[in-house]
Amino acid sequence: MTVILLDAIQRRYPFIHPDWVFSRILGSDLSSVMDEERRLLYVASTRAIVKLIVLTDQKEITPFLDLQTNKELIQEIKWENLEGPTSVTRQVLALVGNSTQSRGDGTFPLRDLLKSSGYEYIPGVWSHWRKAYVAKNFSLDELRNELWAKEDEVIQKSGVEVRLIVNPNIEFAKYQINTNKWQTILEKYDLLDSVLEEEQKFAISDEIVSD
């Protein structure tokens, strides 16, 4: 079971109602109220079996979360890069799998970090991890700054292949990662630009028709 905790921010955890003062007649104090709120967050968190996702705000983090000791599990979310509500939103798919041209451990030691970065495992002839991005906001620099892609002295990345595809199934970039170094195999971002330009033309055309 996956548990998602929304609004793990200071004004939600702890949520201290102004009327708590009236419960002092029953022996309650602010410390006990805080303890009860902490217990509620703990109970909700420990319900997770497969995955626990906690959403917070870096400017208003709940004091019940100790993020300093779990920095490697923190993934920053930029809302403008999330998929839009319409099914026709153009996507870039990042596919991360074992290299077809070099040897190494591949994605096996990266699997937990890939999961934490929002990737989904896709088995097949070339098994890989997949993640979708909104095409018009896609940035290779941001991809390389994800948990699995960052340079790590403990986990040496070798034998990893990264393919970038814009739907419908146009591969515009491919990279090999060996000894933590990225090597460009294919890089044709003009293909991505062409797809986005075409999409923009259709969007303008639809607006004219609707008017």
N, C-alpha and C. Protein backbone atom coordinates (compact mmCIF):
# COMPACT_ATOMS: atom_id res chain seq x y z
N MET A 1 0.84 -1.20 0.00
CA MET A 1 0.00 0.00 0.00
C MET A 1 0.87 1.25 0.00
N THR A 2 0.51 2.21 -0.84
CA THR A 2 1.21 3.49 -0.89
C THR A 2 0.41 4.53 -0.12
N VAL A 3 1.08 5.29 0.71
CA VAL A 3 0.45 6.36 1.48
C VAL A 3 1.01 7.70 1.02
N ILE A 4 0.13 8.64 0.72
CA ILE A 4 0.54 9.99 0.33
C ILE A 4 0.05 10.97 1.39
N LEU A 5 0.98 11.67 2.01
CA LEU A 5 0.64 12.68 3.02
C LEU A 5 0.72 14.06 2.38
N LEU A 6 -0.41 14.71 2.25
CA LEU A 6 -0.46 16.04 1.66
C LEU A 6 -0.31 17.10 2.75
N ASP A 7 0.24 18.23 2.38
CA ASP A 7 0.34 19.38 3.29
C ASP A 7 1.04 19.05 4.59
N ALA A 8 2.23 18.42 4.49
CA ALA A 8 3.03 18.18 5.70
C ALA A 8 3.78 19.47 6.04
N ILE A 9 2.98 20.49 6.37
CA ILE A 9 3.53 21.81 6.65
C ILE A 9 3.21 22.23 8.07
N GLN A 10 3.78 23.33 8.48
CA GLN A 10 3.74 23.70 9.89
C GLN A 10 2.33 23.96 10.41
N ARG A 11 1.48 24.58 9.59
CA ARG A 11 0.14 24.92 10.08
C ARG A 11 -0.82 23.73 10.04
N ARG A 12 -0.38 22.61 9.45
CA ARG A 12 -1.21 21.40 9.41
C ARG A 12 -0.75 20.37 10.43
N TYR A 13 0.55 20.24 10.55
CA TYR A 13 1.15 19.32 11.53
C TYR A 13 2.19 20.10 12.34
N PRO A 14 1.89 20.59 13.51
CA PRO A 14 0.65 20.32 14.26
C PRO A 14 -0.48 21.27 13.89
N PHE A 15 -1.71 20.73 13.93
CA PHE A 15 -2.89 21.56 13.78
C PHE A 15 -3.45 21.80 15.18
N ILE A 16 -3.24 23.00 15.69
CA ILE A 16 -3.65 23.33 17.06
C ILE A 16 -4.85 24.26 16.98
N HIS A 17 -6.00 23.74 17.34
CA HIS A 17 -7.22 24.53 17.29
C HIS A 17 -7.21 25.57 18.42
N PRO A 18 -7.68 26.80 18.14
CA PRO A 18 -7.69 27.84 19.18
C PRO A 18 -8.45 27.44 20.44
N ASP A 19 -9.41 26.52 20.31
CA ASP A 19 -10.22 26.13 21.47
C ASP A 19 -9.52 25.15 22.39
N TRP A 20 -8.25 24.80 22.07
CA TRP A 20 -7.58 23.80 22.90
C TRP A 20 -7.45 24.26 24.35
N VAL A 21 -7.42 25.59 24.54
CA VAL A 21 -7.23 26.12 25.90
C VAL A 21 -8.35 25.68 26.84
N PHE A 22 -9.54 25.44 26.26
CA PHE A 22 -10.66 25.04 27.12
C PHE A 22 -10.51 23.61 27.64
N SER A 23 -9.62 22.84 27.00
CA SER A 23 -9.42 21.46 27.45
C SER A 23 -8.43 21.39 28.62
N ARG A 24 -7.90 22.55 29.01
CA ARG A 24 -6.97 22.53 30.15
C ARG A 24 -7.66 22.11 31.43
N ILE A 25 -8.97 22.35 31.48
CA ILE A 25 -9.71 21.94 32.67
C ILE A 25 -9.70 20.43 32.84
N LEU A 26 -9.44 19.73 31.70
CA LEU A 26 -9.37 18.26 31.73
C LEU A 26 -7.94 17.77 31.89
N GLY A 27 -7.00 18.70 32.11
CA GLY A 27 -5.62 18.31 32.35
C GLY A 27 -4.71 18.40 31.14
N SER A 28 -5.24 18.86 30.00
CA SER A 28 -4.41 18.97 28.80
C SER A 28 -3.53 20.22 28.86
N ASP A 29 -2.38 20.13 28.21
CA ASP A 29 -1.52 21.31 28.06
C ASP A 29 -0.98 21.31 26.63
N LEU A 30 -0.26 22.37 26.27
CA LEU A 30 0.22 22.50 24.90
C LEU A 30 1.15 21.35 24.52
N SER A 31 1.93 20.88 25.47
CA SER A 31 2.86 19.79 25.20
C SER A 31 2.11 18.51 24.83
N SER A 32 1.03 18.22 25.54
CA SER A 32 0.27 17.00 25.25
C SER A 32 -0.46 17.11 23.91
N VAL A 33 -0.90 18.32 23.56
CA VAL A 33 -1.54 18.53 22.26
C VAL A 33 -0.54 18.29 21.14
N MET A 34 0.69 18.80 21.31
CA MET A 34 1.74 18.59 20.32
C MET A 34 2.06 17.11 20.18
N ASP A 35 2.13 16.41 21.29
CA ASP A 35 2.43 14.98 21.26
C ASP A 35 1.35 14.20 20.50
N GLU A 36 0.10 14.60 20.69
CA GLU A 36 -1.00 13.92 20.00
C GLU A 36 -0.94 14.17 18.50
N GLU A 37 -0.59 15.39 18.10
CA GLU A 37 -0.46 15.70 16.68
C GLU A 37 0.71 14.93 16.06
N ARG A 38 1.79 14.81 16.80
CA ARG A 38 2.95 14.05 16.32
C ARG A 38 2.57 12.57 16.16
N ARG A 39 1.78 12.07 17.09
CA ARG A 39 1.36 10.67 17.03
C ARG A 39 0.48 10.42 15.80
N LEU A 40 -0.39 11.38 15.47
CA LEU A 40 -1.25 11.23 14.30
C LEU A 40 -0.43 11.14 13.01
N LEU A 41 0.61 11.97 12.91
CA LEU A 41 1.48 11.93 11.73
C LEU A 41 2.24 10.61 11.68
N TYR A 42 2.67 10.14 12.83
CA TYR A 42 3.41 8.87 12.89
C TYR A 42 2.52 7.71 12.45
N VAL A 43 1.29 7.68 12.94
CA VAL A 43 0.36 6.59 12.60
C VAL A 43 0.09 6.60 11.10
N ALA A 44 -0.14 7.78 10.53
CA ALA A 44 -0.40 7.87 9.09
C ALA A 44 0.80 7.39 8.29
N SER A 45 2.00 7.76 8.73
CA SER A 45 3.22 7.39 8.00
C SER A 45 3.48 5.90 8.03
N THR A 46 3.22 5.27 9.16
CA THR A 46 3.54 3.85 9.31
C THR A 46 2.51 2.94 8.67
N ARG A 47 1.46 3.51 8.07
CA ARG A 47 0.50 2.69 7.33
C ARG A 47 1.06 2.27 5.96
N ALA A 48 2.10 2.96 5.52
CA ALA A 48 2.68 2.66 4.20
C ALA A 48 3.41 1.33 4.22
N ILE A 49 3.18 0.51 3.19
CA ILE A 49 3.85 -0.78 3.04
C ILE A 49 4.83 -0.74 1.87
N VAL A 50 4.37 -0.22 0.73
CA VAL A 50 5.20 -0.17 -0.48
C VAL A 50 5.95 1.14 -0.58
N LYS A 51 5.23 2.24 -0.39
CA LYS A 51 5.85 3.55 -0.60
C LYS A 51 5.17 4.60 0.27
N LEU A 52 5.97 5.54 0.78
CA LEU A 52 5.45 6.68 1.52
C LEU A 52 5.88 7.95 0.79
N ILE A 53 4.91 8.77 0.41
CA ILE A 53 5.18 10.04 -0.26
C ILE A 53 4.70 11.16 0.63
N VAL A 54 5.59 12.06 0.98
CA VAL A 54 5.26 13.19 1.85
C VAL A 54 5.46 14.48 1.06
N LEU A 55 4.41 15.28 0.94
CA LEU A 55 4.50 16.56 0.24
C LEU A 55 4.56 17.69 1.27
N THR A 56 5.56 18.54 1.14
CA THR A 56 5.72 19.65 2.08
C THR A 56 6.17 20.88 1.31
N ASP A 57 6.40 21.95 2.02
CA ASP A 57 6.87 23.21 1.43
C ASP A 57 8.16 23.57 2.14
N GLN A 58 9.23 23.83 1.36
CA GLN A 58 10.52 24.09 1.98
C GLN A 58 10.51 25.34 2.86
N LYS A 59 9.51 26.22 2.66
CA LYS A 59 9.43 27.43 3.48
C LYS A 59 8.59 27.22 4.73
N GLU A 60 7.89 26.09 4.80
CA GLU A 60 6.99 25.87 5.93
C GLU A 60 6.93 24.38 6.28
N ILE A 61 8.07 23.77 6.50
CA ILE A 61 8.14 22.34 6.80
C ILE A 61 7.66 22.08 8.22
N THR A 62 6.85 21.04 8.38
CA THR A 62 6.41 20.68 9.72
C THR A 62 7.61 20.33 10.60
N PRO A 63 7.60 20.75 11.85
CA PRO A 63 8.72 20.42 12.75
C PRO A 63 8.82 18.94 13.07
N PHE A 64 7.80 18.16 12.67
CA PHE A 64 7.82 16.73 12.95
C PHE A 64 8.65 15.94 11.95
N LEU A 65 9.11 16.59 10.87
CA LEU A 65 9.93 15.91 9.87
C LEU A 65 11.39 16.29 10.04
N ASP A 66 12.25 15.28 10.11
CA ASP A 66 13.69 15.52 10.19
C ASP A 66 14.28 15.28 8.80
N LEU A 67 14.34 16.33 8.00
CA LEU A 67 14.81 16.18 6.63
C LEU A 67 16.33 16.20 6.52
N GLN A 68 17.00 16.67 7.55
CA GLN A 68 18.45 16.77 7.48
C GLN A 68 19.12 15.41 7.39
N THR A 69 18.52 14.40 8.02
CA THR A 69 19.12 13.07 8.02
C THR A 69 18.63 12.21 6.85
N ASN A 70 17.75 12.78 6.01
CA ASN A 70 17.21 12.02 4.87
C ASN A 70 17.30 12.82 3.58
N LYS A 71 18.37 13.60 3.44
CA LYS A 71 18.49 14.47 2.27
C LYS A 71 18.51 13.70 0.96
N GLU A 72 19.06 12.48 0.99
CA GLU A 72 19.18 11.72 -0.26
C GLU A 72 17.83 11.25 -0.78
N LEU A 73 16.78 11.31 0.05
CA LEU A 73 15.45 10.86 -0.36
C LEU A 73 14.55 12.02 -0.77
N ILE A 74 15.06 13.24 -0.68
CA ILE A 74 14.25 14.41 -0.97
C ILE A 74 14.34 14.76 -2.45
N GLN A 75 13.19 14.89 -3.08
CA GLN A 75 13.14 15.28 -4.49
C GLN A 75 12.33 16.56 -4.61
N GLU A 76 12.96 17.62 -5.10
CA GLU A 76 12.26 18.89 -5.28
C GLU A 76 11.29 18.78 -6.45
N ILE A 77 10.10 19.31 -6.25
CA ILE A 77 9.07 19.29 -7.28
C ILE A 77 8.86 20.70 -7.80
N LYS A 78 8.92 20.86 -9.11
CA LYS A 78 8.60 22.13 -9.73
C LYS A 78 7.25 21.97 -10.43
N TRP A 79 6.25 22.66 -9.90
CA TRP A 79 4.89 22.45 -10.37
C TRP A 79 4.73 22.72 -11.86
N GLU A 80 5.52 23.67 -12.39
CA GLU A 80 5.37 24.00 -13.80
C GLU A 80 5.82 22.87 -14.71
N ASN A 81 6.57 21.88 -14.15
CA ASN A 81 7.05 20.76 -14.97
C ASN A 81 6.13 19.55 -14.91
N LEU A 82 5.08 19.63 -14.10
CA LEU A 82 4.18 18.50 -14.00
C LEU A 82 3.22 18.48 -15.19
N GLU A 83 2.76 17.30 -15.50
CA GLU A 83 1.87 17.13 -16.66
C GLU A 83 0.58 17.90 -16.46
N GLY A 84 0.13 18.55 -17.49
CA GLY A 84 -1.10 19.31 -17.43
C GLY A 84 -2.32 18.42 -17.35
N PRO A 85 -3.50 18.99 -17.12
CA PRO A 85 -4.72 18.20 -16.95
C PRO A 85 -5.25 17.60 -18.24
N THR A 86 -4.79 18.08 -19.39
CA THR A 86 -5.31 17.55 -20.64
C THR A 86 -4.48 16.38 -21.15
N SER A 87 -5.14 15.42 -21.77
CA SER A 87 -4.46 14.21 -22.23
C SER A 87 -3.61 14.46 -23.46
N VAL A 88 -3.77 15.65 -24.11
CA VAL A 88 -3.02 15.92 -25.34
C VAL A 88 -1.73 16.69 -25.06
N THR A 89 -1.40 16.89 -23.80
CA THR A 89 -0.16 17.57 -23.46
C THR A 89 1.03 16.80 -24.03
N ARG A 90 1.86 17.48 -24.80
CA ARG A 90 3.03 16.83 -25.41
C ARG A 90 4.02 16.46 -24.32
N GLN A 91 4.54 15.24 -24.40
CA GLN A 91 5.43 14.73 -23.36
C GLN A 91 6.81 14.39 -23.91
N VAL A 92 7.80 14.53 -23.03
CA VAL A 92 9.12 13.94 -23.26
C VAL A 92 9.23 12.76 -22.31
N LEU A 93 9.60 11.60 -22.85
CA LEU A 93 9.79 10.41 -22.03
C LEU A 93 11.29 10.19 -21.84
N ALA A 94 11.71 10.10 -20.59
CA ALA A 94 13.10 9.74 -20.27
C ALA A 94 13.13 8.26 -19.96
N LEU A 95 13.90 7.51 -20.72
CA LEU A 95 14.04 6.06 -20.54
C LEU A 95 15.45 5.77 -20.05
N VAL A 96 15.55 5.12 -18.91
CA VAL A 96 16.86 4.82 -18.31
C VAL A 96 16.98 3.31 -18.15
N GLY A 97 17.95 2.72 -18.86
CA GLY A 97 18.13 1.27 -18.80
C GLY A 97 19.59 0.88 -18.88
N ASN A 98 19.83 -0.40 -18.99
CA ASN A 98 21.21 -0.89 -19.12
C ASN A 98 21.74 -0.56 -20.51
N SER A 99 23.01 -0.20 -20.56
CA SER A 99 23.62 0.18 -21.82
C SER A 99 23.67 -1.00 -22.79
N THR A 100 23.43 -0.72 -24.05
CA THR A 100 23.55 -1.74 -25.09
C THR A 100 24.94 -1.73 -25.72
N GLN A 101 25.80 -0.80 -25.26
CA GLN A 101 27.12 -0.65 -25.88
C GLN A 101 28.29 -0.79 -24.91
N SER A 102 28.02 -0.83 -23.63
CA SER A 102 29.11 -0.92 -22.65
C SER A 102 28.69 -1.76 -21.46
N ARG A 103 29.67 -2.20 -20.69
CA ARG A 103 29.40 -3.05 -19.53
C ARG A 103 29.36 -2.21 -18.25
N GLY A 104 28.77 -2.80 -17.24
CA GLY A 104 28.69 -2.14 -15.94
C GLY A 104 27.51 -2.68 -15.16
N ASP A 105 27.28 -2.12 -13.99
CA ASP A 105 26.18 -2.57 -13.14
C ASP A 105 24.82 -2.12 -13.66
N GLY A 106 24.82 -1.15 -14.58
CA GLY A 106 23.55 -0.69 -15.13
C GLY A 106 22.69 0.00 -14.10
N THR A 107 21.38 -0.21 -14.21
CA THR A 107 20.44 0.51 -13.35
C THR A 107 20.17 -0.21 -12.03
N PHE A 108 20.71 -1.42 -11.86
CA PHE A 108 20.37 -2.20 -10.66
C PHE A 108 20.67 -1.44 -9.36
N PRO A 109 21.86 -0.85 -9.18
CA PRO A 109 22.12 -0.14 -7.93
C PRO A 109 21.38 1.19 -7.83
N LEU A 110 20.72 1.61 -8.91
CA LEU A 110 20.03 2.89 -8.92
C LEU A 110 18.52 2.75 -8.75
N ARG A 111 18.03 1.52 -8.60
CA ARG A 111 16.59 1.29 -8.68
C ARG A 111 15.80 2.06 -7.61
N ASP A 112 16.31 2.11 -6.38
CA ASP A 112 15.58 2.84 -5.33
C ASP A 112 15.57 4.33 -5.59
N LEU A 113 16.70 4.85 -6.09
CA LEU A 113 16.77 6.28 -6.40
C LEU A 113 15.88 6.63 -7.59
N LEU A 114 15.79 5.73 -8.56
CA LEU A 114 14.90 5.96 -9.69
C LEU A 114 13.44 5.98 -9.24
N LYS A 115 13.08 5.06 -8.35
CA LYS A 115 11.72 5.06 -7.80
C LYS A 115 11.43 6.36 -7.08
N SER A 116 12.39 6.80 -6.26
CA SER A 116 12.21 8.04 -5.50
C SER A 116 12.11 9.25 -6.42
N SER A 117 12.68 9.15 -7.62
CA SER A 117 12.64 10.26 -8.57
C SER A 117 11.41 10.22 -9.46
N GLY A 118 10.52 9.26 -9.21
CA GLY A 118 9.27 9.21 -9.96
C GLY A 118 9.28 8.36 -11.21
N TYR A 119 10.27 7.47 -11.34
CA TYR A 119 10.36 6.60 -12.52
C TYR A 119 9.57 5.31 -12.30
N GLU A 120 9.06 4.77 -13.38
CA GLU A 120 8.30 3.51 -13.37
C GLU A 120 9.07 2.45 -14.15
N TYR A 121 9.17 1.25 -13.58
CA TYR A 121 9.91 0.18 -14.24
C TYR A 121 9.06 -0.45 -15.34
N ILE A 122 9.64 -0.54 -16.54
CA ILE A 122 8.95 -1.12 -17.70
C ILE A 122 9.76 -2.32 -18.19
N PRO A 123 9.30 -3.56 -17.93
CA PRO A 123 10.03 -4.74 -18.41
C PRO A 123 9.82 -4.94 -19.90
N GLY A 124 10.76 -5.65 -20.54
CA GLY A 124 10.63 -5.91 -21.97
C GLY A 124 11.95 -6.34 -22.57
N VAL A 125 12.04 -6.27 -23.89
CA VAL A 125 13.28 -6.63 -24.59
C VAL A 125 14.42 -5.76 -24.09
N TRP A 126 14.16 -4.47 -23.96
CA TRP A 126 15.11 -3.55 -23.32
C TRP A 126 14.41 -2.98 -22.09
N SER A 127 14.52 -3.69 -20.98
CA SER A 127 13.86 -3.24 -19.75
C SER A 127 14.46 -1.90 -19.32
N HIS A 128 13.59 -1.01 -18.86
CA HIS A 128 14.07 0.33 -18.52
C HIS A 128 13.15 0.97 -17.49
N TRP A 129 13.58 2.12 -17.00
CA TRP A 129 12.78 2.95 -16.11
C TRP A 129 12.30 4.16 -16.92
N ARG A 130 11.04 4.54 -16.72
CA ARG A 130 10.45 5.58 -17.55
C ARG A 130 9.81 6.68 -16.70
N LYS A 131 10.00 7.91 -17.17
CA LYS A 131 9.36 9.06 -16.52
C LYS A 131 8.94 10.05 -17.59
N ALA A 132 7.75 10.65 -17.41
CA ALA A 132 7.22 11.61 -18.39
C ALA A 132 7.39 13.04 -17.88
N TYR A 133 7.73 13.92 -18.80
CA TYR A 133 7.86 15.35 -18.51
C TYR A 133 6.99 16.13 -19.49
N VAL A 134 6.56 17.31 -19.09
CA VAL A 134 5.90 18.21 -20.02
C VAL A 134 6.97 18.70 -20.99
N ALA A 135 6.76 18.47 -22.28
CA ALA A 135 7.81 18.70 -23.28
C ALA A 135 8.30 20.14 -23.31
N LYS A 136 7.39 21.09 -23.23
CA LYS A 136 7.80 22.49 -23.38
C LYS A 136 8.63 22.98 -22.19
N ASN A 137 8.59 22.26 -21.08
CA ASN A 137 9.37 22.66 -19.90
C ASN A 137 10.57 21.75 -19.66
N PHE A 138 10.82 20.80 -20.58
CA PHE A 138 11.87 19.82 -20.33
C PHE A 138 13.25 20.47 -20.31
N SER A 139 14.08 20.01 -19.36
CA SER A 139 15.46 20.50 -19.24
C SER A 139 16.37 19.32 -18.90
N LEU A 140 17.40 19.12 -19.71
CA LEU A 140 18.37 18.05 -19.43
C LEU A 140 19.10 18.32 -18.12
N ASP A 141 19.38 19.57 -17.84
CA ASP A 141 20.08 19.91 -16.59
C ASP A 141 19.27 19.48 -15.38
N GLU A 142 17.96 19.68 -15.43
CA GLU A 142 17.12 19.27 -14.30
C GLU A 142 17.08 17.75 -14.18
N LEU A 143 17.05 17.06 -15.32
CA LEU A 143 17.08 15.59 -15.28
C LEU A 143 18.37 15.11 -14.63
N ARG A 144 19.49 15.72 -15.00
CA ARG A 144 20.78 15.30 -14.46
C ARG A 144 20.96 15.70 -13.00
N ASN A 145 20.03 16.51 -12.49
CA ASN A 145 20.08 16.89 -11.08
C ASN A 145 19.14 16.06 -10.22
N GLU A 146 18.50 15.05 -10.83
CA GLU A 146 17.63 14.16 -10.05
C GLU A 146 18.47 13.24 -9.17
N LEU A 147 17.80 12.61 -8.20
CA LEU A 147 18.51 11.80 -7.20
C LEU A 147 19.40 10.75 -7.83
N TRP A 148 18.88 10.02 -8.81
CA TRP A 148 19.62 8.90 -9.39
C TRP A 148 20.78 9.37 -10.25
N ALA A 149 20.66 10.58 -10.83
CA ALA A 149 21.65 11.05 -11.81
C ALA A 149 22.78 11.86 -11.20
N LYS A 150 22.60 12.32 -9.97
CA LYS A 150 23.65 13.14 -9.35
C LYS A 150 24.92 12.32 -9.13
N GLU A 151 26.04 13.00 -9.14
CA GLU A 151 27.30 12.32 -8.85
C GLU A 151 27.28 11.81 -7.42
N ASP A 152 27.71 10.58 -7.25
CA ASP A 152 27.67 9.92 -5.95
C ASP A 152 28.97 9.16 -5.75
N GLU A 153 29.65 9.45 -4.64
CA GLU A 153 30.92 8.76 -4.37
C GLU A 153 30.70 7.30 -3.99
N VAL A 154 29.51 6.99 -3.48
CA VAL A 154 29.23 5.63 -3.03
C VAL A 154 28.77 4.75 -4.19
N ILE A 155 27.82 5.27 -4.99
CA ILE A 155 27.28 4.50 -6.11
C ILE A 155 27.94 4.96 -7.40
N GLN A 156 28.73 4.09 -8.00
CA GLN A 156 29.39 4.40 -9.27
C GLN A 156 28.48 3.99 -10.41
N LYS A 157 28.12 4.95 -11.23
CA LYS A 157 27.22 4.66 -12.35
C LYS A 157 28.01 4.26 -13.58
N SER A 158 27.76 3.04 -14.06
CA SER A 158 28.41 2.54 -15.29
C SER A 158 27.45 1.61 -16.01
N GLY A 159 27.56 1.59 -17.33
CA GLY A 159 26.69 0.73 -18.12
C GLY A 159 25.24 1.17 -18.10
N VAL A 160 25.02 2.50 -18.06
CA VAL A 160 23.66 3.05 -18.04
C VAL A 160 23.40 3.80 -19.35
N GLU A 161 22.22 3.61 -19.89
CA GLU A 161 21.84 4.29 -21.13
C GLU A 161 20.59 5.13 -20.89
N VAL A 162 20.61 6.35 -21.37
CA VAL A 162 19.48 7.27 -21.23
C VAL A 162 18.99 7.65 -22.62
N ARG A 163 17.71 7.42 -22.88
CA ARG A 163 17.11 7.80 -24.16
C ARG A 163 16.00 8.81 -23.91
N LEU A 164 15.96 9.85 -24.72
CA LEU A 164 14.93 10.88 -24.60
C LEU A 164 14.05 10.84 -25.84
N ILE A 165 12.76 10.70 -25.61
CA ILE A 165 11.80 10.53 -26.71
C ILE A 165 10.66 11.53 -26.53
N VAL A 166 10.28 12.18 -27.61
CA VAL A 166 9.09 13.03 -27.59
C VAL A 166 8.01 12.31 -28.38
N ASN A 167 6.82 12.25 -27.82
CA ASN A 167 5.75 11.54 -28.51
C ASN A 167 5.33 12.31 -29.75
N PRO A 168 5.04 11.60 -30.87
CA PRO A 168 4.90 10.14 -30.93
C PRO A 168 6.21 9.44 -31.34
N ASN A 169 6.92 8.92 -30.38
CA ASN A 169 8.05 8.00 -30.57
C ASN A 169 9.18 8.58 -31.44
N ILE A 170 9.56 9.84 -31.17
CA ILE A 170 10.69 10.45 -31.87
C ILE A 170 11.86 10.56 -30.89
N GLU A 171 12.90 9.77 -31.12
CA GLU A 171 14.08 9.82 -30.25
C GLU A 171 14.98 10.98 -30.69
N PHE A 172 15.20 11.92 -29.77
CA PHE A 172 16.00 13.09 -30.13
C PHE A 172 17.32 13.18 -29.36
N ALA A 173 17.53 12.28 -28.38
CA ALA A 173 18.80 12.30 -27.65
C ALA A 173 19.05 10.94 -27.01
N LYS A 174 20.35 10.59 -26.93
CA LYS A 174 20.75 9.34 -26.27
C LYS A 174 22.11 9.57 -25.61
N TYR A 175 22.25 9.03 -24.39
CA TYR A 175 23.49 9.21 -23.64
C TYR A 175 23.91 7.89 -23.01
N GLN A 176 25.21 7.70 -22.86
CA GLN A 176 25.78 6.58 -22.11
C GLN A 176 26.43 7.15 -20.85
N ILE A 177 26.26 6.44 -19.73
CA ILE A 177 26.90 6.86 -18.48
C ILE A 177 27.87 5.76 -18.06
N ASN A 178 29.15 6.12 -17.97
CA ASN A 178 30.19 5.19 -17.54
C ASN A 178 31.13 5.92 -16.59
N THR A 179 31.42 5.27 -15.45
CA THR A 179 32.23 5.88 -14.38
C THR A 179 31.74 7.29 -14.09
N ASN A 180 30.42 7.41 -13.97
CA ASN A 180 29.73 8.66 -13.62
C ASN A 180 29.84 9.75 -14.68
N LYS A 181 30.37 9.45 -15.84
CA LYS A 181 30.52 10.45 -16.89
C LYS A 181 29.50 10.21 -18.01
N TRP A 182 28.85 11.29 -18.43
CA TRP A 182 27.85 11.21 -19.49
C TRP A 182 28.53 11.38 -20.85
N GLN A 183 28.23 10.48 -21.76
CA GLN A 183 28.76 10.55 -23.12
C GLN A 183 27.59 10.70 -24.09
N THR A 184 27.66 11.68 -24.95
CA THR A 184 26.60 11.93 -25.92
C THR A 184 26.70 10.98 -27.10
N ILE A 185 25.65 10.21 -27.34
CA ILE A 185 25.56 9.32 -28.50
C ILE A 185 24.73 9.98 -29.59
N LEU A 186 23.66 10.63 -29.19
CA LEU A 186 22.76 11.32 -30.13
C LEU A 186 22.23 12.57 -29.44
N GLU A 187 22.23 13.68 -30.15
CA GLU A 187 21.70 14.91 -29.57
C GLU A 187 21.15 15.78 -30.70
N LYS A 188 19.83 15.68 -30.89
CA LYS A 188 19.16 16.45 -31.94
C LYS A 188 17.94 17.16 -31.34
N TYR A 189 18.23 18.18 -30.54
CA TYR A 189 17.15 18.89 -29.88
C TYR A 189 16.31 19.70 -30.86
N ASP A 190 16.80 19.86 -32.09
CA ASP A 190 16.00 20.53 -33.10
C ASP A 190 14.75 19.72 -33.44
N LEU A 191 14.82 18.39 -33.26
CA LEU A 191 13.63 17.55 -33.46
C LEU A 191 12.57 17.87 -32.43
N LEU A 192 13.01 18.06 -31.18
CA LEU A 192 12.08 18.43 -30.11
C LEU A 192 11.49 19.81 -30.40
N ASP A 193 12.34 20.74 -30.82
CA ASP A 193 11.86 22.09 -31.13
C ASP A 193 10.82 22.07 -32.25
N SER A 194 11.05 21.23 -33.25
CA SER A 194 10.12 21.13 -34.38
C SER A 194 8.75 20.62 -33.93
N VAL A 195 8.77 19.62 -33.05
CA VAL A 195 7.51 19.07 -32.54
C VAL A 195 6.75 20.13 -31.75
N LEU A 196 7.48 20.89 -30.93
CA LEU A 196 6.83 21.92 -30.11
C LEU A 196 6.30 23.05 -30.98
N GLU A 197 7.03 23.40 -32.03
CA GLU A 197 6.55 24.44 -32.95
C GLU A 197 5.27 24.00 -33.65
N GLU A 198 5.25 22.73 -34.05
CA GLU A 198 4.06 22.19 -34.70
C GLU A 198 2.87 22.20 -33.76
N GLU A 199 3.12 21.83 -32.50
CA GLU A 199 2.06 21.83 -31.51
C GLU A 199 1.52 23.24 -31.29
N GLN A 200 2.42 24.23 -31.28
CA GLN A 200 2.02 25.61 -31.08
C GLN A 200 1.14 26.09 -32.24
N LYS A 201 1.48 25.68 -33.46
CA LYS A 201 0.69 26.06 -34.63
C LYS A 201 -0.73 25.49 -34.53
N PHE A 202 -0.84 24.22 -34.09
CA PHE A 202 -2.15 23.61 -33.94
C PHE A 202 -2.96 24.32 -32.87
N ALA A 203 -2.27 24.73 -31.78
CA ALA A 203 -2.96 25.42 -30.69
C ALA A 203 -3.53 26.75 -31.17
N ILE A 204 -2.74 27.49 -31.97
CA ILE A 204 -3.20 28.77 -32.51
C ILE A 204 -4.36 28.56 -33.47
N SER A 205 -4.24 27.52 -34.29
CA SER A 205 -5.29 27.20 -35.25
C SER A 205 -6.60 26.86 -34.55
N ASP A 206 -6.50 26.10 -33.45
CA ASP A 206 -7.71 25.73 -32.69
C ASP A 206 -8.37 26.96 -32.08
N GLU A 207 -7.54 27.91 -31.62
CA GLU A 207 -8.09 29.13 -31.03
C GLU A 207 -8.85 29.94 -32.08
N ILE A 208 -8.29 30.00 -33.29
CA ILE A 208 -8.95 30.75 -34.36
C ILE A 208 -10.30 30.12 -34.71
N VAL A 209 -10.31 28.78 -34.81
CA VAL A 209 -11.55 28.07 -35.13
C VAL A 209 -12.61 28.28 -34.06
N SER A 210 -12.18 28.20 -32.78
CA SER A 210 -13.14 28.35 -31.68
C SER A 210 -13.70 29.75 -31.61
N ASP A 211 -12.89 30.75 -32.05
CA ASP A 211 -13.38 32.13 -32.04
C ASP A 211 -14.43 32.33 -33.13
